[in-house]
Amino acid sequence: MRFDDAIADALELGPLRQDEVSVPPELEAQFQRITPKGMPAEVIPTLIFYYKVNKPEDSD
């Protein structure tokens, strides 16, 4: 999946269903490791949270 596709999908889904998502510190460290250089630090966690809270009830 391309990053542009992920952004387009997120924009189509609309606003988050849930505003607050808590993350353990070790997961935050993983987010920092996978964030491409020059990208704002909040982009990757926001995308992951977006897909998590908007996941259909009947999907894995």
C-alpha atoms as a PDB file:
ATOM      1  CA  MET A   1       0.000   0.000   0.000  1.00  0.00           C
ATOM      2  CA  ARG A   2       1.321   3.415  -0.909  1.00  0.00           C
ATOM      3  CA  PHE A   3       1.297   6.301   1.554  1.00  0.00           C
ATOM      4  CA  ASP A   4      -0.815   8.396  -0.841  1.00  0.00           C
ATOM      5  CA  ASP A   5      -3.414   5.617  -0.969  1.00  0.00           C
ATOM      6  CA  ALA A   6      -3.561   5.482   2.833  1.00  0.00           C
ATOM      7  CA  ILE A   7      -4.147   9.246   3.026  1.00  0.00           C
ATOM      8  CA  ALA A   8      -6.852   9.073   0.342  1.00  0.00           C
ATOM      9  CA  ASP A   9      -8.594   6.226   2.186  1.00  0.00           C
ATOM     10  CA  ALA A  10      -8.486   8.143   5.460  1.00  0.00           C
ATOM     11  CA  LEU A  11      -9.973  11.231   3.829  1.00  0.00           C
ATOM     12  CA  GLU A  12     -12.807   9.147   2.353  1.00  0.00           C
ATOM     13  CA  LEU A  13     -13.685   7.583   5.716  1.00  0.00           C
ATOM     14  CA  GLY A  14     -14.360  10.950   7.340  1.00  0.00           C
ATOM     15  CA  PRO A  15     -13.726  12.064  10.926  1.00  0.00           C
ATOM     16  CA  LEU A  16     -12.534   9.752  13.686  1.00  0.00           C
ATOM     17  CA  ARG A  17     -15.192   7.859  15.595  1.00  0.00           C
ATOM     18  CA  GLN A  18     -13.139   8.139  18.763  1.00  0.00           C
ATOM     19  CA  ASP A  19     -10.918  11.065  19.700  1.00  0.00           C
ATOM     20  CA  GLU A  20      -8.669   9.562  22.378  1.00  0.00           C
ATOM     21  CA  VAL A  21      -6.409   6.566  21.785  1.00  0.00           C
ATOM     22  CA  SER A  22      -3.838   5.514  24.367  1.00  0.00           C
ATOM     23  CA  VAL A  23      -0.591   3.906  23.271  1.00  0.00           C
ATOM     24  CA  PRO A  24       2.095   2.171  25.317  1.00  0.00           C
ATOM     25  CA  PRO A  25       5.514   3.890  25.271  1.00  0.00           C
ATOM     26  CA  GLU A  26       7.146   1.001  23.368  1.00  0.00           C
ATOM     27  CA  LEU A  27       4.613   1.426  20.552  1.00  0.00           C
ATOM     28  CA  GLU A  28       5.342   5.158  20.420  1.00  0.00           C
ATOM     29  CA  ALA A  29       9.024   4.281  20.004  1.00  0.00           C
ATOM     30  CA  GLN A  30       8.129   2.004  17.066  1.00  0.00           C
ATOM     31  CA  PHE A  31       6.185   4.842  15.441  1.00  0.00           C
ATOM     32  CA  GLN A  32       9.240   7.071  15.704  1.00  0.00           C
ATOM     33  CA  ARG A  33      11.445   4.398  14.099  1.00  0.00           C
ATOM     34  CA  ILE A  34       9.163   3.895  11.071  1.00  0.00           C
ATOM     35  CA  THR A  35       8.444   7.573  10.422  1.00  0.00           C
ATOM     36  CA  PRO A  36      10.282   8.653   7.244  1.00  0.00           C
ATOM     37  CA  LYS A  37      12.828  11.433   7.615  1.00  0.00           C
ATOM     38  CA  GLY A  38      11.261  14.866   7.151  1.00  0.00           C
ATOM     39  CA  MET A  39       7.703  13.677   7.912  1.00  0.00           C
ATOM     40  CA  PRO A  40       5.946  15.195  10.924  1.00  0.00           C
ATOM     41  CA  ALA A  41       6.062  12.777  13.878  1.00  0.00           C
ATOM     42  CA  GLU A  42       2.262  12.678  14.302  1.00  0.00           C
ATOM     43  CA  VAL A  43       1.468  11.424  10.760  1.00  0.00           C
ATOM     44  CA  ILE A  44       2.129   7.679  11.256  1.00  0.00           C
ATOM     45  CA  PRO A  45       0.333   7.367  14.628  1.00  0.00           C
ATOM     46  CA  THR A  46      -2.622   9.358  13.280  1.00  0.00           C
ATOM     47  CA  LEU A  47      -2.993   7.025  10.288  1.00  0.00           C
ATOM     48  CA  ILE A  48      -2.724   3.918  12.454  1.00  0.00           C
ATOM     49  CA  PHE A  49      -5.251   5.236  14.980  1.00  0.00           C
ATOM     50  CA  TYR A  50      -7.556   6.315  12.186  1.00  0.00           C
ATOM     51  CA  TYR A  51      -7.705   2.835  10.706  1.00  0.00           C
ATOM     52  CA  LYS A  52      -8.003   1.241  14.165  1.00  0.00           C
ATOM     53  CA  VAL A  53     -10.963   3.299  15.357  1.00  0.00           C
ATOM     54  CA  ASN A  54     -12.736   3.181  11.979  1.00  0.00           C
ATOM     55  CA  LYS A  55     -12.290  -0.579  11.510  1.00  0.00           C
ATOM     56  CA  PRO A  56     -15.589  -2.252  10.627  1.00  0.00           C
ATOM     57  CA  GLU A  57     -16.959  -4.420  13.430  1.00  0.00           C
ATOM     58  CA  ASP A  58     -17.061  -7.526  11.206  1.00  0.00           C
ATOM     59  CA  SER A  59     -13.421  -7.432  10.062  1.00  0.00           C
ATOM     60  CA  ASP A  60     -10.219  -8.862  11.522  1.00  0.00           C
END
